[in-house]
Protein backbone atom coordinates (compact mmCIF):
# COMPACT_ATOMS: atom_id res chain seq x y z
CA MET A 1 -4.68 21.82 -17.27
CA PRO A 2 -2.07 19.55 -15.72
CA GLN A 3 -3.09 17.41 -12.77
CA ARG A 4 -1.04 16.74 -9.66
CA TRP A 5 -0.03 13.39 -8.20
CA LEU A 6 1.98 11.78 -5.45
CA PHE A 7 4.09 8.70 -6.28
CA LYS A 8 5.50 6.64 -3.44
CA THR A 9 8.80 4.82 -3.56
CA GLU A 10 10.93 2.84 -1.15
CA PRO A 11 14.20 4.80 -1.17
CA ASN A 12 16.21 1.57 -0.90
CA SER A 13 14.59 0.47 -4.16
CA TYR A 14 14.50 3.79 -6.05
CA SER A 15 15.22 7.14 -4.41
CA PHE A 16 14.82 10.76 -5.37
CA ASP A 17 18.64 10.89 -5.36
CA ALA A 18 18.61 8.30 -8.16
CA LEU A 19 16.06 10.33 -10.11
CA GLU A 20 18.23 13.43 -9.73
CA ARG A 21 21.24 11.51 -11.07
CA GLU A 22 19.37 9.90 -13.95
CA LYS A 23 17.19 12.96 -14.71
CA ARG A 24 14.44 10.67 -16.06
CA THR A 25 13.04 7.21 -15.33
CA VAL A 26 10.23 4.79 -16.11
CA TRP A 27 7.87 4.67 -13.11
CA ASP A 28 6.98 1.01 -12.87
CA GLY A 29 6.14 -1.68 -10.34
CA VAL A 30 2.64 -0.41 -9.48
CA LYS A 31 0.57 -3.47 -8.61
CA ASN A 32 -2.43 -2.24 -6.59
CA ASN A 33 -5.55 -1.86 -8.78
CA ALA A 34 -6.53 1.55 -7.35
CA ALA A 35 -2.97 2.83 -7.81
CA ARG A 36 -2.91 1.47 -11.37
CA LYS A 37 -6.18 3.23 -12.09
CA ASN A 38 -4.60 6.48 -10.88
CA LEU A 39 -1.44 5.84 -12.93
CA ARG A 40 -3.60 5.35 -16.04
CA ALA A 41 -5.00 8.86 -15.46
CA VAL A 42 -1.57 10.54 -15.45
CA ALA A 43 -0.96 12.73 -18.49
CA ARG A 44 2.17 14.21 -20.00
CA GLY A 45 2.93 17.48 -18.20
CA ASP A 46 1.33 16.49 -14.89
CA GLN A 47 3.25 17.41 -11.72
CA VAL A 48 4.29 14.67 -9.31
CA TYR A 49 5.42 14.74 -5.70
CA ILE A 50 7.91 11.96 -4.94
CA TYR A 51 7.36 10.45 -1.50
CA HIS A 52 9.84 8.19 0.29
CA THR A 53 8.27 5.37 2.29
CA GLY A 54 10.06 3.22 4.87
CA ASN A 55 11.89 5.02 7.64
CA GLU A 56 11.67 8.46 5.98
CA LYS A 57 7.93 8.80 5.35
CA ALA A 58 8.28 12.20 3.69
CA VAL A 59 7.64 14.11 0.47
CA ILE A 60 11.13 14.68 -0.93
CA GLY A 61 10.85 16.33 -4.32
CA ILE A 62 8.96 17.18 -7.48
CA ALA A 63 8.98 15.42 -10.83
CA LYS A 64 6.85 15.78 -13.94
CA ALA A 65 5.24 13.21 -16.19
CA VAL A 66 6.98 13.29 -19.56
CA SER A 67 4.72 10.62 -21.05
CA GLY A 68 1.24 9.38 -20.61
CA PRO A 69 0.68 5.82 -19.37
CA TYR A 70 1.68 2.91 -21.57
CA GLN A 71 1.92 -0.86 -21.28
CA ASP A 72 4.88 -1.94 -19.15
CA PRO A 73 7.31 -3.45 -21.68
CA GLU A 74 9.02 -5.44 -18.90
CA SER A 75 5.83 -7.13 -17.61
CA SER A 76 3.72 -9.98 -18.92
CA ASP A 77 0.79 -8.58 -16.89
CA ALA A 78 -1.57 -6.96 -19.42
CA LYS A 79 -2.80 -4.54 -16.72
CA ALA A 80 0.68 -3.26 -15.86
CA VAL A 81 1.25 0.33 -16.98
CA VAL A 82 4.17 2.72 -16.58
CA VAL A 83 4.77 6.46 -16.94
CA ASP A 84 8.01 8.26 -17.76
CA VAL A 85 8.93 10.95 -15.23
CA ALA A 86 11.69 13.56 -15.14
CA VAL A 87 13.14 15.36 -12.15
CA VAL A 88 12.06 18.95 -11.50
CA LYS A 89 13.54 19.81 -8.11
CA ARG A 90 14.17 18.68 -4.57
CA LEU A 91 12.01 20.35 -1.93
CA GLU A 92 13.80 22.84 0.31
CA ARG A 93 13.21 20.36 3.10
CA PRO A 94 11.32 17.06 3.28
CA VAL A 95 7.72 17.26 4.47
CA THR A 96 6.97 14.35 6.78
CA LEU A 97 3.82 12.28 6.99
CA ALA A 98 3.55 13.31 10.66
CA GLU A 99 3.45 16.99 9.61
CA LEU A 100 0.76 16.26 7.04
CA LYS A 101 -1.34 14.26 9.51
CA ALA A 102 -1.13 17.16 11.98
CA ARG A 103 -2.87 19.55 9.55
CA PRO A 104 -6.67 19.43 9.91
CA GLY A 105 -7.11 20.65 6.32
CA LEU A 106 -5.40 17.48 5.04
CA ALA A 107 -7.68 14.97 6.78
CA THR A 108 -9.09 13.83 3.41
CA PHE A 109 -5.71 13.71 1.64
CA PRO A 110 -5.28 10.13 0.34
CA LEU A 111 -1.77 9.92 1.84
CA VAL A 112 -3.35 10.41 5.27
CA ARG A 113 -6.42 8.22 4.65
CA LEU A 114 -5.01 5.45 2.43
CA PRO A 115 -1.40 4.96 3.52
CA ARG A 116 -0.81 1.91 1.31
CA LEU A 117 -1.83 3.55 -1.98
CA SER A 118 1.31 4.16 -4.09
CA VAL A 119 -0.10 6.54 -6.73
CA MET A 120 -2.67 9.13 -5.69
CA PRO A 121 -4.15 12.41 -6.86
CA VAL A 122 -3.21 15.64 -5.08
CA THR A 123 -5.57 18.63 -5.09
CA ALA A 124 -4.29 22.14 -5.73
CA THR A 125 -4.84 22.98 -2.05
CA GLU A 126 -2.94 19.89 -0.87
CA TRP A 127 -0.12 20.67 -3.32
CA SER A 128 0.24 24.26 -2.12
CA THR A 129 0.11 23.18 1.54
CA ILE A 130 3.01 20.78 0.98
CA GLU A 131 4.96 23.46 -0.93
CA ARG A 132 4.39 25.93 1.92
CA LEU A 133 5.49 23.39 4.56
CA ALA A 134 8.65 22.62 2.60
CA LYS A 135 9.67 26.28 2.89
CA GLN A 136 9.24 26.51 6.68
């Protein structure tokens, strides 16, 4: 059964718009050990929310993992891994971090608890809550 994830990106560095244009990309640049551990757990077929950091602070769209993790070919760091992702769709509207923090049921969501973590798991309940908010 596919798992669900949230990947963070600085839109000035790589945006969901860019992923929509390119259709597919190598998700790289993950340096934090906890985030790398999460990235190593991503499997082909997993669903991924793309979250813009910086001024936006919002979940923007959905992608899917089209590869499992593999050694970053552009890095000399033996611990650096990457995953290939492909665009699925843009959310009907962005779901902001403020909206997520305002929901008591999301108090344990890593995005709320660990704001610096760039790759994190998303439970089925968290996923459906974000999907529901995007349609409001």
